[in-house]
Amino acid sequence: MHNFENLKIWQKAMDLTDLALSYIEDLPTNERYNLIDQINRCSCSIPSNIAEGSGKRTVNHFAEFLTTALTSSFELETQLLICERRKYGNGDKLKNCLNLTSEVQKMIFAFRENLS
């Protein structure tokens, strides 16, 4: 069992969630129940699954939750790329979100691979 708050991947995922939630403040209100809701849910899912997995009994169970966190990060990336194509929101925040998403993906993948 890991203390999830000490995990760098959880800390970085929390930073990503903060940044994503800041980014969606500037999106068009007509996206409230579409992109805004999706970005909110998948960005929160990343650190949540890391935290939940850290409490599991086996490394394999933890790895499954890391996989879920990773897939949520790909979902987030897709939502952000849709925003980029639609030219929604603050471009600098969007670029920072995409860069941090990529960094978190690499960290989760590497951490998951090193668990075994």
N, C-alpha and C. Protein backbone atom coordinates (compact mmCIF):
# COMPACT_ATOMS: atom_id res chain seq x y z
N MET A 1 0.85 -1.17 0.00
CA MET A 1 0.00 0.00 0.00
C MET A 1 0.90 1.23 0.00
N HIS A 2 0.52 2.22 -0.79
CA HIS A 2 1.27 3.47 -0.92
C HIS A 2 0.48 4.60 -0.27
N ASN A 3 1.18 5.56 0.26
CA ASN A 3 0.53 6.79 0.68
C ASN A 3 0.42 7.64 -0.58
N PHE A 4 -0.78 7.66 -1.17
CA PHE A 4 -0.95 8.29 -2.48
C PHE A 4 -0.53 9.75 -2.51
N GLU A 5 -0.67 10.46 -1.39
CA GLU A 5 -0.31 11.88 -1.39
C GLU A 5 1.19 12.10 -1.57
N ASN A 6 1.99 11.07 -1.31
CA ASN A 6 3.43 11.17 -1.51
C ASN A 6 3.87 10.76 -2.92
N LEU A 7 2.95 10.20 -3.69
CA LEU A 7 3.29 9.76 -5.04
C LEU A 7 3.39 10.95 -5.99
N LYS A 8 4.52 11.06 -6.67
CA LYS A 8 4.70 12.16 -7.63
C LYS A 8 3.66 12.12 -8.74
N ILE A 9 3.25 10.92 -9.15
CA ILE A 9 2.24 10.84 -10.21
C ILE A 9 0.90 11.39 -9.73
N TRP A 10 0.56 11.16 -8.47
CA TRP A 10 -0.69 11.70 -7.94
C TRP A 10 -0.59 13.22 -7.83
N GLN A 11 0.54 13.72 -7.33
CA GLN A 11 0.73 15.17 -7.20
C GLN A 11 0.64 15.86 -8.56
N LYS A 12 1.28 15.27 -9.58
CA LYS A 12 1.27 15.85 -10.91
C LYS A 12 -0.13 15.75 -11.51
N ALA A 13 -0.84 14.66 -11.24
CA ALA A 13 -2.21 14.51 -11.72
C ALA A 13 -3.13 15.54 -11.07
N MET A 14 -2.88 15.86 -9.80
CA MET A 14 -3.66 16.91 -9.14
C MET A 14 -3.38 18.27 -9.78
N ASP A 15 -2.13 18.51 -10.14
CA ASP A 15 -1.79 19.75 -10.85
C ASP A 15 -2.54 19.82 -12.18
N LEU A 16 -2.60 18.69 -12.87
CA LEU A 16 -3.32 18.64 -14.14
C LEU A 16 -4.80 18.93 -13.94
N THR A 17 -5.39 18.35 -12.91
CA THR A 17 -6.80 18.60 -12.62
C THR A 17 -7.04 20.08 -12.36
N ASP A 18 -6.18 20.69 -11.55
CA ASP A 18 -6.31 22.13 -11.28
C ASP A 18 -6.23 22.95 -12.57
N LEU A 19 -5.27 22.61 -13.41
CA LEU A 19 -5.08 23.35 -14.65
C LEU A 19 -6.27 23.16 -15.59
N ALA A 20 -6.76 21.93 -15.70
CA ALA A 20 -7.90 21.65 -16.57
C ALA A 20 -9.15 22.38 -16.08
N LEU A 21 -9.36 22.39 -14.76
CA LEU A 21 -10.53 23.08 -14.22
C LEU A 21 -10.42 24.58 -14.42
N SER A 22 -9.23 25.11 -14.38
CA SER A 22 -9.01 26.52 -14.68
C SER A 22 -9.29 26.80 -16.16
N TYR A 23 -8.84 25.90 -17.02
CA TYR A 23 -9.05 26.07 -18.46
C TYR A 23 -10.54 26.11 -18.82
N ILE A 24 -11.34 25.22 -18.25
CA ILE A 24 -12.75 25.14 -18.66
C ILE A 24 -13.57 26.35 -18.22
N GLU A 25 -13.03 27.16 -17.33
CA GLU A 25 -13.74 28.39 -16.93
C GLU A 25 -13.96 29.32 -18.12
N ASP A 26 -13.10 29.22 -19.14
CA ASP A 26 -13.17 30.11 -20.29
C ASP A 26 -13.91 29.51 -21.49
N LEU A 27 -14.45 28.31 -21.34
CA LEU A 27 -15.14 27.68 -22.47
C LEU A 27 -16.54 28.25 -22.64
N PRO A 28 -17.08 28.15 -23.85
CA PRO A 28 -18.44 28.67 -24.09
C PRO A 28 -19.48 27.97 -23.21
N THR A 29 -20.42 28.73 -22.74
CA THR A 29 -21.44 28.17 -21.84
C THR A 29 -22.28 27.09 -22.51
N ASN A 30 -22.39 27.12 -23.84
CA ASN A 30 -23.17 26.08 -24.51
C ASN A 30 -22.49 24.71 -24.45
N GLU A 31 -21.24 24.68 -23.99
CA GLU A 31 -20.52 23.40 -23.81
C GLU A 31 -20.61 22.89 -22.37
N ARG A 32 -21.44 23.53 -21.57
CA ARG A 32 -21.54 23.19 -20.14
C ARG A 32 -21.81 21.71 -19.90
N TYR A 33 -22.71 21.13 -20.67
CA TYR A 33 -23.08 19.72 -20.44
C TYR A 33 -22.37 18.78 -21.39
N ASN A 34 -21.44 19.30 -22.15
CA ASN A 34 -20.69 18.46 -23.08
C ASN A 34 -19.21 18.48 -22.70
N LEU A 35 -18.44 19.30 -23.36
CA LEU A 35 -17.00 19.32 -23.13
C LEU A 35 -16.62 19.70 -21.70
N ILE A 36 -17.28 20.69 -21.15
CA ILE A 36 -16.94 21.14 -19.79
C ILE A 36 -17.15 19.99 -18.80
N ASP A 37 -18.28 19.33 -18.90
CA ASP A 37 -18.58 18.22 -18.00
C ASP A 37 -17.60 17.06 -18.21
N GLN A 38 -17.30 16.75 -19.46
CA GLN A 38 -16.37 15.65 -19.76
C GLN A 38 -14.97 15.95 -19.23
N ILE A 39 -14.48 17.17 -19.47
CA ILE A 39 -13.15 17.55 -19.01
C ILE A 39 -13.09 17.51 -17.49
N ASN A 40 -14.13 17.98 -16.85
CA ASN A 40 -14.20 17.96 -15.39
C ASN A 40 -14.10 16.52 -14.88
N ARG A 41 -14.91 15.64 -15.44
CA ARG A 41 -14.96 14.27 -14.94
C ARG A 41 -13.68 13.49 -15.23
N CYS A 42 -13.17 13.58 -16.45
CA CYS A 42 -11.98 12.75 -16.75
C CYS A 42 -10.73 13.31 -16.09
N SER A 43 -10.64 14.63 -15.91
CA SER A 43 -9.46 15.17 -15.22
C SER A 43 -9.46 14.79 -13.74
N CYS A 44 -10.64 14.77 -13.12
CA CYS A 44 -10.74 14.36 -11.72
C CYS A 44 -10.52 12.85 -11.55
N SER A 45 -10.83 12.09 -12.58
CA SER A 45 -10.69 10.64 -12.54
C SER A 45 -9.23 10.21 -12.45
N ILE A 46 -8.33 10.99 -13.01
CA ILE A 46 -6.92 10.58 -13.06
C ILE A 46 -6.34 10.46 -11.65
N PRO A 47 -6.30 11.53 -10.84
CA PRO A 47 -5.75 11.37 -9.49
C PRO A 47 -6.62 10.48 -8.60
N SER A 48 -7.92 10.47 -8.86
CA SER A 48 -8.81 9.64 -8.05
C SER A 48 -8.48 8.16 -8.21
N ASN A 49 -8.23 7.72 -9.42
CA ASN A 49 -7.89 6.31 -9.65
C ASN A 49 -6.51 5.96 -9.13
N ILE A 50 -5.58 6.90 -9.20
CA ILE A 50 -4.26 6.66 -8.61
C ILE A 50 -4.41 6.47 -7.10
N ALA A 51 -5.19 7.34 -6.47
CA ALA A 51 -5.40 7.25 -5.03
C ALA A 51 -6.11 5.95 -4.66
N GLU A 52 -7.17 5.62 -5.39
CA GLU A 52 -7.92 4.41 -5.08
C GLU A 52 -7.06 3.16 -5.26
N GLY A 53 -6.30 3.14 -6.34
CA GLY A 53 -5.44 1.98 -6.60
C GLY A 53 -4.36 1.80 -5.56
N SER A 54 -3.89 2.90 -4.99
CA SER A 54 -2.81 2.81 -4.00
C SER A 54 -3.24 2.05 -2.75
N GLY A 55 -4.53 1.94 -2.53
CA GLY A 55 -5.02 1.23 -1.35
C GLY A 55 -5.33 -0.24 -1.60
N LYS A 56 -5.12 -0.71 -2.81
CA LYS A 56 -5.41 -2.10 -3.13
C LYS A 56 -4.34 -3.03 -2.58
N ARG A 57 -4.72 -4.27 -2.39
CA ARG A 57 -3.84 -5.25 -1.73
C ARG A 57 -2.66 -5.68 -2.58
N THR A 58 -2.88 -5.80 -3.88
CA THR A 58 -1.82 -6.35 -4.71
C THR A 58 -1.33 -5.33 -5.73
N VAL A 59 -0.13 -5.57 -6.22
CA VAL A 59 0.45 -4.73 -7.26
C VAL A 59 -0.41 -4.80 -8.52
N ASN A 60 -0.93 -5.98 -8.81
CA ASN A 60 -1.77 -6.13 -10.01
C ASN A 60 -3.04 -5.29 -9.93
N HIS A 61 -3.65 -5.24 -8.75
CA HIS A 61 -4.84 -4.41 -8.59
C HIS A 61 -4.48 -2.93 -8.74
N PHE A 62 -3.37 -2.52 -8.17
CA PHE A 62 -2.92 -1.14 -8.29
C PHE A 62 -2.68 -0.81 -9.77
N ALA A 63 -2.04 -1.74 -10.49
CA ALA A 63 -1.75 -1.53 -11.91
C ALA A 63 -3.03 -1.35 -12.72
N GLU A 64 -4.09 -2.06 -12.36
CA GLU A 64 -5.38 -1.90 -13.05
C GLU A 64 -5.93 -0.48 -12.87
N PHE A 65 -5.81 0.06 -11.66
CA PHE A 65 -6.28 1.42 -11.42
C PHE A 65 -5.40 2.45 -12.12
N LEU A 66 -4.11 2.16 -12.22
CA LEU A 66 -3.22 3.04 -12.98
C LEU A 66 -3.60 3.02 -14.46
N THR A 67 -4.00 1.86 -14.96
CA THR A 67 -4.46 1.77 -16.34
C THR A 67 -5.71 2.61 -16.54
N THR A 68 -6.62 2.58 -15.58
CA THR A 68 -7.82 3.40 -15.67
C THR A 68 -7.46 4.88 -15.64
N ALA A 69 -6.52 5.25 -14.78
CA ALA A 69 -6.06 6.65 -14.74
C ALA A 69 -5.46 7.05 -16.08
N LEU A 70 -4.68 6.14 -16.67
CA LEU A 70 -4.06 6.42 -17.96
C LEU A 70 -5.11 6.59 -19.05
N THR A 71 -6.11 5.72 -19.07
CA THR A 71 -7.16 5.84 -20.09
C THR A 71 -7.96 7.13 -19.88
N SER A 72 -8.17 7.54 -18.65
CA SER A 72 -8.83 8.82 -18.40
C SER A 72 -8.00 9.98 -18.92
N SER A 73 -6.67 9.85 -18.84
CA SER A 73 -5.80 10.92 -19.36
C SER A 73 -5.90 11.00 -20.89
N PHE A 74 -6.07 9.85 -21.56
CA PHE A 74 -6.26 9.87 -23.01
C PHE A 74 -7.61 10.48 -23.37
N GLU A 75 -8.61 10.21 -22.55
CA GLU A 75 -9.92 10.83 -22.74
C GLU A 75 -9.79 12.35 -22.59
N LEU A 76 -9.09 12.79 -21.55
CA LEU A 76 -8.88 14.22 -21.34
C LEU A 76 -8.16 14.83 -22.54
N GLU A 77 -7.11 14.16 -23.00
CA GLU A 77 -6.36 14.68 -24.15
C GLU A 77 -7.28 14.86 -25.36
N THR A 78 -8.15 13.90 -25.59
CA THR A 78 -9.08 13.99 -26.71
C THR A 78 -10.02 15.18 -26.57
N GLN A 79 -10.55 15.37 -25.37
CA GLN A 79 -11.45 16.51 -25.14
C GLN A 79 -10.71 17.84 -25.38
N LEU A 80 -9.46 17.90 -24.93
CA LEU A 80 -8.67 19.11 -25.12
C LEU A 80 -8.35 19.34 -26.60
N LEU A 81 -8.10 18.27 -27.32
CA LEU A 81 -7.83 18.40 -28.76
C LEU A 81 -9.08 18.86 -29.51
N ILE A 82 -10.24 18.43 -29.06
CA ILE A 82 -11.50 18.93 -29.63
C ILE A 82 -11.59 20.43 -29.40
N CYS A 83 -11.28 20.85 -28.18
CA CYS A 83 -11.30 22.29 -27.87
C CYS A 83 -10.32 23.05 -28.75
N GLU A 84 -9.15 22.45 -28.98
CA GLU A 84 -8.15 23.10 -29.83
C GLU A 84 -8.69 23.26 -31.26
N ARG A 85 -9.31 22.22 -31.77
CA ARG A 85 -9.87 22.28 -33.12
C ARG A 85 -10.98 23.32 -33.22
N ARG A 86 -11.75 23.46 -32.14
CA ARG A 86 -12.86 24.41 -32.12
C ARG A 86 -12.40 25.83 -31.75
N LYS A 87 -11.11 25.94 -31.39
CA LYS A 87 -10.52 27.21 -30.96
C LYS A 87 -11.24 27.79 -29.73
N TYR A 88 -11.52 26.89 -28.77
CA TYR A 88 -12.19 27.26 -27.53
C TYR A 88 -11.17 27.65 -26.47
N GLY A 89 -11.55 28.58 -25.63
CA GLY A 89 -10.79 28.90 -24.43
C GLY A 89 -9.46 29.59 -24.67
N ASN A 90 -8.72 29.71 -23.60
CA ASN A 90 -7.42 30.37 -23.60
C ASN A 90 -6.37 29.43 -24.20
N GLY A 91 -5.74 29.88 -25.28
CA GLY A 91 -4.78 29.06 -25.99
C GLY A 91 -3.57 28.66 -25.16
N ASP A 92 -3.08 29.57 -24.31
CA ASP A 92 -1.93 29.24 -23.47
C ASP A 92 -2.29 28.19 -22.43
N LYS A 93 -3.46 28.35 -21.81
CA LYS A 93 -3.90 27.34 -20.82
C LYS A 93 -4.08 25.99 -21.49
N LEU A 94 -4.63 26.01 -22.69
CA LEU A 94 -4.85 24.76 -23.42
C LEU A 94 -3.52 24.09 -23.73
N LYS A 95 -2.56 24.84 -24.21
CA LYS A 95 -1.23 24.28 -24.51
C LYS A 95 -0.61 23.70 -23.24
N ASN A 96 -0.71 24.42 -22.13
CA ASN A 96 -0.17 23.92 -20.85
C ASN A 96 -0.88 22.64 -20.42
N CYS A 97 -2.19 22.59 -20.60
CA CYS A 97 -2.96 21.38 -20.26
C CYS A 97 -2.50 20.19 -21.10
N LEU A 98 -2.34 20.41 -22.39
CA LEU A 98 -1.91 19.32 -23.27
C LEU A 98 -0.50 18.84 -22.91
N ASN A 99 0.39 19.77 -22.62
CA ASN A 99 1.76 19.39 -22.24
C ASN A 99 1.77 18.62 -20.93
N LEU A 100 1.01 19.09 -19.95
CA LEU A 100 0.97 18.41 -18.66
C LEU A 100 0.28 17.05 -18.78
N THR A 101 -0.72 16.96 -19.63
CA THR A 101 -1.38 15.67 -19.87
C THR A 101 -0.38 14.66 -20.40
N SER A 102 0.41 15.07 -21.35
CA SER A 102 1.44 14.18 -21.91
C SER A 102 2.45 13.76 -20.85
N GLU A 103 2.85 14.70 -20.02
CA GLU A 103 3.81 14.39 -18.95
C GLU A 103 3.21 13.38 -17.96
N VAL A 104 1.96 13.60 -17.58
CA VAL A 104 1.29 12.68 -16.64
C VAL A 104 1.15 11.29 -17.26
N GLN A 105 0.82 11.23 -18.54
CA GLN A 105 0.70 9.94 -19.21
C GLN A 105 2.01 9.17 -19.14
N LYS A 106 3.10 9.84 -19.43
CA LYS A 106 4.41 9.19 -19.39
C LYS A 106 4.75 8.73 -17.98
N MET A 107 4.42 9.55 -16.99
CA MET A 107 4.72 9.19 -15.60
C MET A 107 3.91 7.98 -15.15
N ILE A 108 2.62 7.97 -15.48
CA ILE A 108 1.77 6.84 -15.09
C ILE A 108 2.25 5.57 -15.77
N PHE A 109 2.53 5.67 -17.05
CA PHE A 109 3.00 4.48 -17.80
C PHE A 109 4.27 3.93 -17.18
N ALA A 110 5.23 4.81 -16.92
CA ALA A 110 6.51 4.36 -16.34
C ALA A 110 6.31 3.77 -14.94
N PHE A 111 5.49 4.41 -14.12
CA PHE A 111 5.24 3.92 -12.77
C PHE A 111 4.58 2.55 -12.81
N ARG A 112 3.61 2.41 -13.70
CA ARG A 112 2.91 1.13 -13.83
C ARG A 112 3.86 0.03 -14.27
N GLU A 113 4.73 0.34 -15.21
CA GLU A 113 5.70 -0.64 -15.71
C GLU A 113 6.69 -1.05 -14.62
N ASN A 114 7.04 -0.12 -13.74
CA ASN A 114 8.02 -0.41 -12.68
C ASN A 114 7.41 -1.08 -11.46
N LEU A 115 6.09 -1.18 -11.41
CA LEU A 115 5.46 -1.84 -10.26
C LEU A 115 5.78 -3.33 -10.21
N SER A 116 5.90 -3.95 -11.38
CA SER A 116 6.09 -5.40 -11.39
C SER A 116 7.51 -5.81 -11.12
